Amino acid sequence: MKRWLVSILILVVPLGLWAQEGTGTVRGIVQDAKGPLAGVTVQVSGTGRGVVTDAEGKYSLPLTAGIRYSLRFRFVGYRSQSLPISVEEGITYTLDVTMLENTLVLRAVEIEGTLENDRESPSLYRLDPAAAQAVPTPFQEFNRILVTLPGVVAPSELSSAYSVRGGSYDENLVYVNDMPVYRPFLIRAGQQEGLSFINSDLVGGIEFSAGGWEPRYGDKLSSVLNITYRRPTEFRAAASAGLLGATAQVEGKIGKRVSYLAGIRHKRAQYLLNTLPT
């Protein structure tokens, strides 16, 4: 008798547990003011369970009976909604939801910037005027510093002319304080070995571009050289002399608006050229 009683208890207890885990179903249609919405997420809050509405806005979700749930409806551009629900075993409940659009008023965004006219090209070189004085040349010629740049060559040590990427010497545009200078190498007089018109003692800035310069620099094919003479702030004077020539310069400022800058040079190549074989 005892054996049969134990067997009955074992069979009845699991049946009771199974009955408590019965399920019900909640279903419905999710829509907005225009009609059904497809792709709305219907999720049981606090769990990873959920479904997505189909093309007609319909959904169906089985839930364990006897438990109170919160269903959360989410869709991009609409306000999320959370609705409480509980189901009984074997019963299907209908829960239709109307989603409301989520209107956000964004603050205005202002972007400010400054347009700079001196936009640099990749081939623009800014050179130190002091470096021009340090380049070893027979006459301390200013243009010899350009020969140290890629693609720039000079016909000889005694010439002030130069060419860029195989071009001619007259294909190079030269500016002084943003003003174009024509025939800067004295080619008209046949004096390629003469001094350049640029006085390296007075230079304050050097810009050289071998391509891709701004349209304001004209239509030369090879390069642009822009020389800026320095602005005097106080009185200064200097002079130098040697066997191959002499230089002198003076600068100063008068009042707050007037300044002056002047220089003079003389070259004499006789002592150097007489040493060459003829």
Protein backbone atom coordinates (compact mmCIF):
# COMPACT_ATOMS: atom_id res chain seq x y z
CA MET A 1 0.00 0.00 0.00
CA LYS A 2 2.81 2.40 0.79
CA ARG A 3 4.50 1.76 -2.53
CA TRP A 4 1.37 2.68 -4.47
CA LEU A 5 0.90 5.91 -2.49
CA VAL A 6 4.38 7.12 -3.25
CA SER A 7 3.92 6.44 -6.93
CA ILE A 8 0.72 8.49 -7.05
CA LEU A 9 2.38 11.47 -5.39
CA ILE A 10 5.23 11.40 -7.84
CA LEU A 11 2.85 11.48 -10.80
CA VAL A 12 0.56 14.20 -9.42
CA VAL A 13 3.21 16.75 -8.46
CA PRO A 14 4.75 17.15 -11.95
CA LEU A 15 1.27 17.49 -13.47
CA GLY A 16 0.54 20.34 -11.08
CA LEU A 17 3.78 22.11 -11.96
CA TRP A 18 3.08 21.76 -15.67
CA ALA A 19 -0.36 23.28 -15.21
CA GLN A 20 1.13 26.39 -13.60
CA GLU A 21 3.37 26.95 -16.67
CA GLY A 22 0.48 27.26 -19.13
CA THR A 23 0.63 30.09 -21.70
CA GLY A 24 -1.67 32.60 -23.23
CA THR A 25 -1.22 34.78 -26.30
CA VAL A 26 -1.35 38.50 -26.90
CA ARG A 27 -1.70 39.81 -30.41
CA GLY A 28 -2.73 42.94 -32.19
CA ILE A 29 -1.97 45.60 -34.80
CA VAL A 30 0.47 48.48 -34.40
CA GLN A 31 -0.34 51.53 -36.49
CA ASP A 32 -0.05 55.29 -36.67
CA ALA A 33 -2.36 57.95 -38.02
CA LYS A 34 -1.67 56.81 -41.60
CA GLY A 35 -2.03 53.06 -41.18
CA PRO A 36 -0.22 49.89 -40.03
CA LEU A 37 3.48 50.07 -39.19
CA ALA A 38 5.87 47.31 -40.19
CA GLY A 39 9.06 46.65 -38.23
CA VAL A 40 7.85 47.86 -34.82
CA THR A 41 9.67 46.11 -31.97
CA VAL A 42 7.38 44.54 -29.35
CA GLN A 43 9.48 43.53 -26.35
CA VAL A 44 8.73 42.10 -22.93
CA SER A 45 10.36 44.61 -20.56
CA GLY A 46 13.17 43.19 -18.47
CA THR A 47 13.70 40.20 -20.74
CA GLY A 48 15.21 39.46 -24.12
CA ARG A 49 11.91 38.18 -25.52
CA GLY A 50 10.13 40.07 -28.27
CA VAL A 51 8.80 40.10 -31.82
CA VAL A 52 8.61 42.50 -34.77
CA THR A 53 5.43 43.48 -36.56
CA ASP A 54 4.97 42.17 -40.09
CA ALA A 55 4.14 44.10 -43.25
CA GLU A 56 0.52 44.54 -42.07
CA GLY A 57 1.56 45.79 -38.63
CA LYS A 58 0.47 42.55 -36.92
CA TYR A 59 2.24 40.77 -34.07
CA SER A 60 1.67 37.73 -31.88
CA LEU A 61 3.51 36.98 -28.67
CA PRO A 62 3.02 33.97 -26.31
CA LEU A 63 3.26 34.75 -22.58
CA THR A 64 3.29 32.62 -19.45
CA ALA A 65 -0.08 32.70 -17.72
CA GLY A 66 -0.54 34.29 -14.31
CA ILE A 67 2.34 36.77 -14.59
CA ARG A 68 1.97 40.51 -15.04
CA TYR A 69 4.11 41.84 -17.90
CA SER A 70 4.93 45.18 -19.44
CA LEU A 71 5.08 45.26 -23.23
CA ARG A 72 7.23 47.95 -24.79
CA PHE A 73 6.55 49.14 -28.34
CA ARG A 74 9.46 50.93 -30.09
CA PHE A 75 9.94 52.32 -33.58
CA VAL A 76 12.31 54.91 -35.05
CA GLY A 77 10.72 58.35 -35.22
CA TYR A 78 7.91 57.45 -32.78
CA ARG A 79 7.45 57.68 -29.04
CA SER A 80 8.04 54.44 -27.15
CA GLN A 81 5.02 53.03 -25.29
CA SER A 82 4.90 50.57 -22.38
CA LEU A 83 1.60 48.81 -21.62
CA PRO A 84 0.88 46.36 -18.74
CA ILE A 85 -0.77 43.01 -19.49
CA SER A 86 -1.33 39.58 -17.98
CA VAL A 87 -2.82 36.51 -19.69
CA GLU A 88 -4.63 33.34 -18.70
CA GLU A 89 -3.83 29.92 -19.97
CA GLY A 90 -5.21 29.12 -23.40
CA ILE A 91 -6.74 32.57 -23.96
CA THR A 92 -5.76 34.97 -26.73
CA TYR A 93 -5.87 38.69 -25.95
CA THR A 94 -6.02 41.52 -28.47
CA LEU A 95 -3.89 44.61 -27.82
CA ASP A 96 -3.86 47.21 -30.60
CA VAL A 97 -1.47 50.13 -30.29
CA THR A 98 -1.40 53.52 -32.01
CA MET A 99 2.08 55.03 -32.18
CA LEU A 100 2.61 58.79 -31.96
CA GLU A 101 5.33 60.53 -33.92
CA ASN A 102 8.22 61.87 -31.88
CA THR A 103 8.81 65.46 -33.00
CA LEU A 104 12.12 66.97 -31.91
CA VAL A 105 12.95 70.64 -32.31
CA LEU A 106 16.67 70.92 -32.94
CA ARG A 107 18.66 73.97 -32.03
CA ALA A 108 20.22 75.92 -34.87
CA VAL A 109 23.89 75.23 -35.51
CA GLU A 110 26.05 78.07 -36.77
CA ILE A 111 29.39 77.40 -38.42
CA GLU A 112 31.78 80.29 -38.77
CA GLY A 113 35.06 80.40 -40.64
CA THR A 114 37.54 82.72 -42.21
CA LEU A 115 38.44 82.58 -45.88
CA GLU A 116 42.16 82.98 -46.27
CA ASN A 117 43.44 84.22 -49.60
CA ASP A 118 46.97 83.00 -48.97
CA ARG A 119 46.07 79.36 -49.38
CA GLU A 120 49.29 77.44 -49.70
CA SER A 121 49.93 74.96 -52.47
CA PRO A 122 51.79 71.68 -51.84
CA SER A 123 54.79 72.97 -53.82
CA LEU A 124 55.18 76.26 -51.93
CA TYR A 125 58.52 76.72 -50.18
CA ARG A 126 59.19 79.37 -47.56
CA LEU A 127 62.91 80.10 -47.32
CA ASP A 128 64.90 81.82 -44.61
CA PRO A 129 66.54 85.01 -45.93
CA ALA A 130 69.54 84.36 -43.67
CA ALA A 131 70.13 81.08 -45.50
CA ALA A 132 70.65 83.00 -48.76
CA GLN A 133 73.60 84.75 -47.16
CA ALA A 134 75.14 81.44 -46.08
CA VAL A 135 75.12 79.73 -49.50
CA PRO A 136 78.72 79.66 -50.85
CA THR A 137 78.78 81.55 -54.15
CA PRO A 138 81.39 83.71 -55.90
CA PHE A 139 79.31 86.90 -55.63
CA GLN A 140 76.87 86.04 -52.81
CA GLU A 141 74.19 85.83 -55.47
CA PHE A 142 70.69 85.57 -54.00
CA ASN A 143 69.27 83.18 -56.62
CA ARG A 144 71.82 80.50 -55.72
CA ILE A 145 69.64 79.42 -52.80
CA LEU A 146 66.91 78.43 -55.27
CA VAL A 147 69.22 75.86 -56.85
CA THR A 148 69.05 73.88 -53.59
CA LEU A 149 65.33 73.21 -54.20
CA PRO A 150 64.03 70.19 -56.18
CA GLY A 151 63.78 70.74 -59.95
CA VAL A 152 65.74 74.04 -59.99
CA VAL A 153 69.01 74.29 -61.91
CA ALA A 154 71.32 77.14 -62.94
CA PRO A 155 73.38 77.33 -66.16
CA SER A 156 76.61 78.13 -64.30
CA GLU A 157 78.09 79.37 -61.03
CA LEU A 158 78.41 82.87 -62.45
CA SER A 159 74.82 83.20 -63.68
CA SER A 160 71.92 84.77 -61.82
CA ALA A 161 69.38 82.97 -64.04
CA TYR A 162 67.75 79.63 -63.23
CA SER A 163 65.33 77.20 -64.84
CA VAL A 164 62.71 74.90 -63.31
CA ARG A 165 61.90 71.38 -64.53
CA GLY A 166 63.68 71.92 -67.85
CA GLY A 167 61.93 75.17 -68.72
CA SER A 168 63.50 78.36 -69.98
CA TYR A 169 64.78 81.12 -67.70
CA ASP A 170 62.07 83.52 -68.97
CA GLU A 171 59.28 81.14 -67.88
CA ASN A 172 59.79 82.08 -64.23
CA LEU A 173 57.58 84.75 -62.70
CA VAL A 174 59.21 87.07 -60.17
CA TYR A 175 57.34 89.30 -57.72
CA VAL A 176 58.65 91.85 -55.24
CA ASN A 177 56.17 92.79 -52.55
CA ASP A 178 53.42 91.27 -54.74
CA MET A 179 54.43 93.40 -57.74
CA PRO A 180 55.58 91.62 -60.93
CA VAL A 181 59.10 92.34 -62.17
CA TYR A 182 59.82 91.90 -65.87
CA ARG A 183 63.22 90.80 -67.16
CA PRO A 184 64.69 90.30 -63.69
CA PHE A 185 67.83 88.57 -65.04
CA LEU A 186 69.04 91.35 -67.34
CA ILE A 187 68.79 89.01 -70.33
CA ARG A 188 67.98 91.92 -72.64
CA ALA A 189 71.48 93.27 -72.23
CA GLY A 190 73.06 89.84 -72.58
CA GLN A 191 74.39 89.92 -69.02
CA GLN A 192 73.34 86.54 -67.64
CA GLU A 193 76.43 86.59 -65.44
CA GLY A 194 75.38 89.93 -63.94
CA LEU A 195 73.96 90.54 -60.53
CA SER A 196 70.32 89.77 -59.90
CA PHE A 197 68.17 92.79 -59.16
CA ILE A 198 67.30 91.20 -55.76
CA ASN A 199 69.45 92.56 -52.97
CA SER A 200 69.76 89.74 -50.44
CA ASP A 201 70.72 92.21 -47.70
CA LEU A 202 67.24 93.77 -47.83
CA VAL A 203 65.09 90.63 -48.13
CA GLY A 204 62.63 89.86 -45.33
CA GLY A 205 60.76 86.86 -46.80
CA ILE A 206 61.10 84.37 -49.66
CA GLU A 207 58.32 82.27 -51.20
CA PHE A 208 58.98 79.95 -54.12
CA SER A 209 56.50 77.68 -55.90
CA ALA A 210 57.32 75.24 -58.68
CA GLY A 211 53.70 74.57 -59.64
CA GLY A 212 50.12 74.85 -58.46
CA TRP A 213 50.28 78.54 -57.52
CA GLU A 214 47.31 80.85 -57.22
CA PRO A 215 45.77 82.45 -60.35
CA ARG A 216 46.74 85.94 -59.17
CA TYR A 217 50.35 85.11 -59.93
CA GLY A 218 49.85 85.09 -63.69
CA ASP A 219 50.39 82.53 -66.43
CA LYS A 220 54.08 81.65 -66.39
CA LEU A 221 54.78 77.97 -66.94
CA SER A 222 57.64 77.08 -64.61
CA SER A 223 57.68 78.84 -61.24
CA VAL A 224 56.80 81.83 -59.09
CA LEU A 225 59.27 83.66 -56.85
CA ASN A 226 57.78 86.18 -54.44
CA ILE A 227 60.26 88.38 -52.55
CA THR A 228 59.17 90.53 -49.62
CA TYR A 229 61.52 93.26 -48.46
CA ARG A 230 61.61 93.75 -44.71
CA ARG A 231 59.90 96.62 -42.91
CA PRO A 232 62.39 98.76 -40.99
CA THR A 233 61.67 99.39 -37.32
CA GLU A 234 64.82 101.27 -36.39
CA PHE A 235 67.86 102.86 -37.97
CA ARG A 236 70.50 100.42 -39.18
CA ALA A 237 73.37 100.62 -41.64
CA ALA A 238 75.93 98.12 -42.89
CA ALA A 239 78.64 97.84 -45.50
CA SER A 240 81.03 95.20 -46.79
CA ALA A 241 83.81 95.13 -49.38
CA GLY A 242 86.02 92.54 -51.02
CA LEU A 243 88.04 91.75 -54.10
CA LEU A 244 84.90 90.72 -56.02
CA GLY A 245 82.65 93.62 -55.06
CA ALA A 246 81.09 95.73 -52.32
CA THR A 247 77.67 96.28 -50.77
CA ALA A 248 76.08 98.89 -48.52
CA GLN A 249 72.58 99.34 -47.13
CA VAL A 250 70.78 101.71 -44.83
CA GLU A 251 67.32 101.57 -43.32
CA GLY A 252 65.27 103.44 -40.77
CA LYS A 253 61.90 104.84 -39.77
CA ILE A 254 60.65 108.41 -39.70
CA GLY A 255 57.72 108.89 -37.40
CA LYS A 256 55.01 106.19 -37.31
CA ARG A 257 54.12 106.00 -41.01
CA VAL A 258 57.28 106.61 -43.03
CA SER A 259 60.14 104.15 -43.34
CA TYR A 260 62.99 103.82 -45.82
CA LEU A 261 65.18 101.00 -47.08
CA ALA A 262 68.01 101.45 -49.57
CA GLY A 263 70.96 99.42 -50.78
CA ILE A 264 73.76 99.57 -53.30
CA ARG A 265 75.95 96.83 -54.75
CA HIS A 266 78.97 96.62 -57.02
CA LYS A 267 80.44 93.48 -58.56
CA ARG A 268 83.81 93.09 -60.19
CA ALA A 269 84.48 89.63 -61.65
CA GLN A 270 87.84 90.52 -63.22
CA TYR A 271 89.98 88.97 -60.48
CA LEU A 272 87.98 85.75 -60.61
CA LEU A 273 87.75 85.45 -64.39
CA ASN A 274 91.46 86.17 -64.88
CA THR A 275 92.22 82.98 -62.96
CA LEU A 276 90.37 80.85 -65.50
CA PRO A 277 92.25 79.34 -68.46
CA THR A 278 91.54 80.96 -71.82
